[in-house]
Amino acid sequence: DQVAALEGGEGTPGKPKEPEPILTCVQCSAEYKESENAEGGCKYHSSRLTSAGWEYMYSCCNQGGRNYDSARDLPGCTKGKHRSKHHTEYFYAGYYFHM
């Protein structure tokens, strides 16, 4: 039935429901939907990537790599929920890449 195929919001009968937007996390760069955003789904580094001699290191976990790209791509050591907007509530590597 045509009415069952359309989900209208309140006051908008017959109008198709808008699809949920796909967001990009500023902490881990993953794409997600807010309705599926669970605690622990985001893994990120809670410090900035710094040069330490010949290596690049995260001070939050002492993980690093021989070059910037290999260190930047290391899996995160901190878990939380995905965030779509930059913030200053705590440090995270993605914020520094954004600046």
N, C-alpha and C. Protein backbone atom coordinates (compact mmCIF):
# COMPACT_ATOMS: atom_id res chain seq x y z
N ASP A 1 0.85 -1.17 0.00
CA ASP A 1 0.00 0.00 0.00
C ASP A 1 0.89 1.23 0.00
N GLN A 2 0.51 2.24 -0.73
CA GLN A 2 1.34 3.43 -0.95
C GLN A 2 1.56 4.20 0.34
N VAL A 3 0.55 4.28 1.20
CA VAL A 3 0.68 5.01 2.45
C VAL A 3 1.71 4.33 3.35
N ALA A 4 1.72 3.01 3.38
CA ALA A 4 2.67 2.28 4.21
C ALA A 4 4.10 2.47 3.70
N ALA A 5 4.27 2.72 2.42
CA ALA A 5 5.60 2.89 1.84
C ALA A 5 6.21 4.24 2.18
N LEU A 6 5.38 5.20 2.58
CA LEU A 6 5.87 6.53 2.91
C LEU A 6 5.79 6.74 4.40
N GLU A 7 6.87 7.20 4.98
CA GLU A 7 6.86 7.52 6.41
C GLU A 7 6.97 9.02 6.54
N GLY A 8 5.90 9.67 6.85
CA GLY A 8 5.94 11.12 7.01
C GLY A 8 6.17 11.50 8.45
N GLY A 9 6.82 12.63 8.65
CA GLY A 9 6.98 13.14 10.00
C GLY A 9 5.67 13.74 10.44
N GLU A 10 5.60 14.18 11.67
CA GLU A 10 4.37 14.79 12.16
C GLU A 10 4.03 16.02 11.33
N GLY A 11 2.82 16.11 10.89
CA GLY A 11 2.37 17.26 10.13
C GLY A 11 2.78 17.22 8.66
N THR A 12 3.41 16.13 8.21
CA THR A 12 3.81 16.03 6.80
C THR A 12 3.38 14.69 6.22
N PRO A 13 2.08 14.44 6.19
CA PRO A 13 1.63 13.16 5.66
C PRO A 13 2.00 13.01 4.18
N GLY A 14 2.44 11.79 3.83
CA GLY A 14 2.78 11.50 2.45
C GLY A 14 4.18 11.92 2.04
N LYS A 15 4.91 12.58 2.92
CA LYS A 15 6.27 13.00 2.58
C LYS A 15 7.24 11.91 3.00
N PRO A 16 8.15 11.49 2.10
CA PRO A 16 9.12 10.45 2.48
C PRO A 16 10.02 10.91 3.62
N LYS A 17 10.35 9.99 4.50
CA LYS A 17 11.23 10.29 5.62
C LYS A 17 12.65 10.52 5.08
N GLU A 18 13.32 11.55 5.61
CA GLU A 18 14.69 11.84 5.21
C GLU A 18 15.61 10.72 5.67
N PRO A 19 16.55 10.28 4.83
CA PRO A 19 17.49 9.26 5.29
C PRO A 19 18.43 9.84 6.35
N GLU A 20 18.84 8.99 7.26
CA GLU A 20 19.75 9.44 8.31
C GLU A 20 21.10 9.79 7.68
N PRO A 21 21.66 10.94 8.03
CA PRO A 21 22.94 11.33 7.42
C PRO A 21 24.09 10.43 7.89
N ILE A 22 25.05 10.25 7.03
CA ILE A 22 26.28 9.54 7.38
C ILE A 22 27.30 10.60 7.77
N LEU A 23 27.81 10.50 8.98
CA LEU A 23 28.74 11.47 9.54
C LEU A 23 30.16 10.91 9.49
N THR A 24 31.15 11.79 9.57
CA THR A 24 32.55 11.38 9.63
C THR A 24 33.10 11.78 10.99
N CYS A 25 33.70 10.84 11.69
CA CYS A 25 34.25 11.08 13.01
C CYS A 25 35.54 11.88 12.90
N VAL A 26 35.65 12.94 13.71
CA VAL A 26 36.85 13.78 13.70
C VAL A 26 37.99 13.14 14.49
N GLN A 27 37.69 12.12 15.28
CA GLN A 27 38.72 11.49 16.10
C GLN A 27 39.38 10.32 15.39
N CYS A 28 38.60 9.54 14.61
CA CYS A 28 39.16 8.33 13.97
C CYS A 28 38.92 8.28 12.47
N SER A 29 38.19 9.24 11.91
CA SER A 29 37.89 9.35 10.48
C SER A 29 36.91 8.31 9.95
N ALA A 30 36.31 7.51 10.83
CA ALA A 30 35.33 6.52 10.39
C ALA A 30 34.01 7.19 10.04
N GLU A 31 33.27 6.59 9.12
CA GLU A 31 31.92 7.04 8.81
C GLU A 31 30.94 6.28 9.70
N TYR A 32 29.91 6.96 10.17
CA TYR A 32 28.95 6.33 11.07
C TYR A 32 27.61 7.04 11.00
N LYS A 33 26.57 6.37 11.50
CA LYS A 33 25.25 6.97 11.67
C LYS A 33 25.05 7.18 13.17
N GLU A 34 24.47 8.30 13.54
CA GLU A 34 24.28 8.62 14.96
C GLU A 34 23.46 7.54 15.66
N SER A 35 22.49 6.95 14.99
CA SER A 35 21.66 5.91 15.61
C SER A 35 22.46 4.65 15.93
N GLU A 36 23.62 4.47 15.30
CA GLU A 36 24.45 3.30 15.53
C GLU A 36 25.72 3.63 16.32
N ASN A 37 25.81 4.86 16.84
CA ASN A 37 27.01 5.34 17.53
C ASN A 37 27.02 4.82 18.97
N ALA A 38 27.84 3.81 19.24
CA ALA A 38 27.89 3.19 20.56
C ALA A 38 29.19 3.53 21.27
N GLU A 39 29.13 3.54 22.58
CA GLU A 39 30.33 3.75 23.40
C GLU A 39 31.35 2.66 23.06
N GLY A 40 32.58 3.05 22.81
CA GLY A 40 33.64 2.10 22.47
C GLY A 40 33.81 1.87 20.98
N GLY A 41 32.93 2.44 20.17
CA GLY A 41 33.01 2.26 18.72
C GLY A 41 34.09 3.08 18.05
N CYS A 42 34.57 4.10 18.73
CA CYS A 42 35.61 4.98 18.20
C CYS A 42 36.92 4.69 18.94
N LYS A 43 37.98 4.48 18.18
CA LYS A 43 39.31 4.26 18.76
C LYS A 43 40.22 5.35 18.23
N TYR A 44 40.80 6.14 19.14
CA TYR A 44 41.61 7.28 18.75
C TYR A 44 42.75 7.47 19.74
N HIS A 45 43.70 8.32 19.39
CA HIS A 45 44.80 8.66 20.29
C HIS A 45 44.44 9.94 21.02
N SER A 46 44.67 9.95 22.34
CA SER A 46 44.31 11.10 23.15
C SER A 46 45.48 12.07 23.33
N SER A 47 46.42 12.03 22.42
CA SER A 47 47.53 12.99 22.43
C SER A 47 47.90 13.30 20.99
N ARG A 48 48.73 14.28 20.83
CA ARG A 48 49.16 14.62 19.48
C ARG A 48 50.36 13.76 19.09
N LEU A 49 50.56 13.64 17.81
CA LEU A 49 51.70 12.91 17.26
C LEU A 49 52.89 13.85 17.23
N THR A 50 53.97 13.47 17.91
CA THR A 50 55.14 14.34 17.99
C THR A 50 56.38 13.61 17.47
N SER A 51 57.33 14.39 17.04
CA SER A 51 58.60 13.86 16.57
C SER A 51 59.48 13.56 17.77
N ALA A 52 60.02 12.35 17.80
CA ALA A 52 60.92 11.93 18.88
C ALA A 52 62.18 11.37 18.26
N GLY A 53 63.11 12.24 17.96
CA GLY A 53 64.33 11.80 17.27
C GLY A 53 64.00 11.40 15.85
N TRP A 54 64.26 10.14 15.53
CA TRP A 54 64.00 9.64 14.18
C TRP A 54 62.62 9.02 14.04
N GLU A 55 61.83 9.06 15.09
CA GLU A 55 60.51 8.45 15.06
C GLU A 55 59.43 9.48 15.40
N TYR A 56 58.20 9.10 15.11
CA TYR A 56 57.03 9.89 15.51
C TYR A 56 56.28 9.07 16.54
N MET A 57 55.89 9.70 17.66
CA MET A 57 55.28 8.98 18.77
C MET A 57 54.02 9.67 19.27
N TYR A 58 53.10 8.85 19.81
CA TYR A 58 51.95 9.34 20.56
C TYR A 58 52.32 9.21 22.04
N SER A 59 52.25 10.28 22.81
CA SER A 59 52.61 10.20 24.22
C SER A 59 51.56 9.48 25.06
N CYS A 60 50.35 9.35 24.55
CA CYS A 60 49.29 8.69 25.31
C CYS A 60 49.54 7.19 25.48
N CYS A 61 50.28 6.58 24.55
CA CYS A 61 50.48 5.14 24.61
C CYS A 61 51.90 4.72 24.21
N ASN A 62 52.73 5.68 23.85
CA ASN A 62 54.10 5.43 23.41
C ASN A 62 54.19 4.56 22.16
N GLN A 63 53.13 4.55 21.36
CA GLN A 63 53.19 3.90 20.05
C GLN A 63 53.79 4.88 19.07
N GLY A 64 54.45 4.36 18.07
CA GLY A 64 55.04 5.25 17.09
C GLY A 64 55.45 4.51 15.83
N GLY A 65 56.08 5.25 14.95
CA GLY A 65 56.53 4.68 13.70
C GLY A 65 57.74 5.43 13.18
N ARG A 66 58.39 4.85 12.20
CA ARG A 66 59.61 5.45 11.64
C ARG A 66 59.33 6.69 10.81
N ASN A 67 58.11 6.81 10.30
CA ASN A 67 57.76 8.01 9.54
C ASN A 67 56.37 8.48 9.95
N TYR A 68 56.06 9.69 9.55
CA TYR A 68 54.80 10.33 9.94
C TYR A 68 53.59 9.51 9.51
N ASP A 69 53.57 9.05 8.26
CA ASP A 69 52.39 8.33 7.75
C ASP A 69 52.16 7.02 8.49
N SER A 70 53.22 6.25 8.76
CA SER A 70 53.03 4.98 9.46
C SER A 70 52.57 5.21 10.90
N ALA A 71 53.07 6.24 11.55
CA ALA A 71 52.65 6.54 12.92
C ALA A 71 51.21 7.06 12.95
N ARG A 72 50.85 7.91 12.00
CA ARG A 72 49.50 8.49 11.97
C ARG A 72 48.45 7.40 11.79
N ASP A 73 48.78 6.34 11.08
CA ASP A 73 47.81 5.29 10.77
C ASP A 73 47.72 4.19 11.82
N LEU A 74 48.44 4.33 12.94
CA LEU A 74 48.35 3.33 14.01
C LEU A 74 46.96 3.35 14.63
N PRO A 75 46.44 2.17 15.00
CA PRO A 75 45.12 2.14 15.65
C PRO A 75 45.15 2.91 16.96
N GLY A 76 44.03 3.53 17.29
CA GLY A 76 43.94 4.32 18.51
C GLY A 76 44.04 3.50 19.77
N CYS A 77 44.40 4.14 20.86
CA CYS A 77 44.56 3.46 22.16
C CYS A 77 43.43 3.84 23.13
N THR A 78 42.61 4.81 22.78
CA THR A 78 41.52 5.27 23.63
C THR A 78 40.20 4.97 22.94
N LYS A 79 39.20 4.54 23.72
CA LYS A 79 37.89 4.22 23.15
C LYS A 79 36.84 5.19 23.65
N GLY A 80 35.87 5.48 22.81
CA GLY A 80 34.76 6.36 23.17
C GLY A 80 33.71 6.31 22.07
N LYS A 81 32.87 7.32 22.03
CA LYS A 81 31.87 7.44 20.98
C LYS A 81 32.43 8.29 19.85
N HIS A 82 31.95 8.07 18.65
CA HIS A 82 32.33 8.90 17.52
C HIS A 82 31.83 10.32 17.75
N ARG A 83 32.56 11.30 17.22
CA ARG A 83 32.18 12.71 17.30
C ARG A 83 32.29 13.30 15.90
N SER A 84 31.32 14.10 15.51
CA SER A 84 31.34 14.68 14.16
C SER A 84 31.84 16.11 14.14
N LYS A 85 32.02 16.72 15.32
CA LYS A 85 32.49 18.10 15.38
C LYS A 85 33.74 18.17 16.24
N HIS A 86 34.69 18.99 15.81
CA HIS A 86 35.91 19.16 16.59
C HIS A 86 35.57 19.79 17.94
N HIS A 87 36.32 19.43 18.96
CA HIS A 87 36.05 19.89 20.32
C HIS A 87 37.37 20.03 21.07
N THR A 88 37.29 20.61 22.26
CA THR A 88 38.47 20.78 23.10
C THR A 88 38.25 20.18 24.49
N GLU A 89 37.33 19.23 24.61
CA GLU A 89 37.06 18.59 25.90
C GLU A 89 38.24 17.75 26.36
N TYR A 90 38.96 17.16 25.44
CA TYR A 90 40.17 16.39 25.70
C TYR A 90 40.98 16.39 24.42
N PHE A 91 42.27 16.07 24.55
CA PHE A 91 43.14 16.03 23.38
C PHE A 91 42.84 14.80 22.55
N TYR A 92 42.98 14.91 21.26
CA TYR A 92 42.90 13.77 20.35
C TYR A 92 43.66 14.14 19.10
N ALA A 93 44.27 13.14 18.48
CA ALA A 93 45.18 13.38 17.36
C ALA A 93 44.49 14.08 16.19
N GLY A 94 43.25 13.70 15.89
CA GLY A 94 42.55 14.29 14.75
C GLY A 94 42.38 15.80 14.85
N TYR A 95 42.30 16.31 16.07
CA TYR A 95 42.17 17.76 16.25
C TYR A 95 43.41 18.47 15.76
N TYR A 96 44.56 17.91 16.02
CA TYR A 96 45.80 18.52 15.59
C TYR A 96 45.98 18.44 14.09
N PHE A 97 45.50 17.37 13.45
CA PHE A 97 45.58 17.28 12.00
C PHE A 97 44.67 18.31 11.36
N HIS A 98 43.58 18.66 12.05
CA HIS A 98 42.60 19.62 11.53
C HIS A 98 43.15 21.04 11.58
N MET A 99 43.96 21.37 12.57
CA MET A 99 44.44 22.74 12.78
C MET A 99 45.34 23.23 11.66
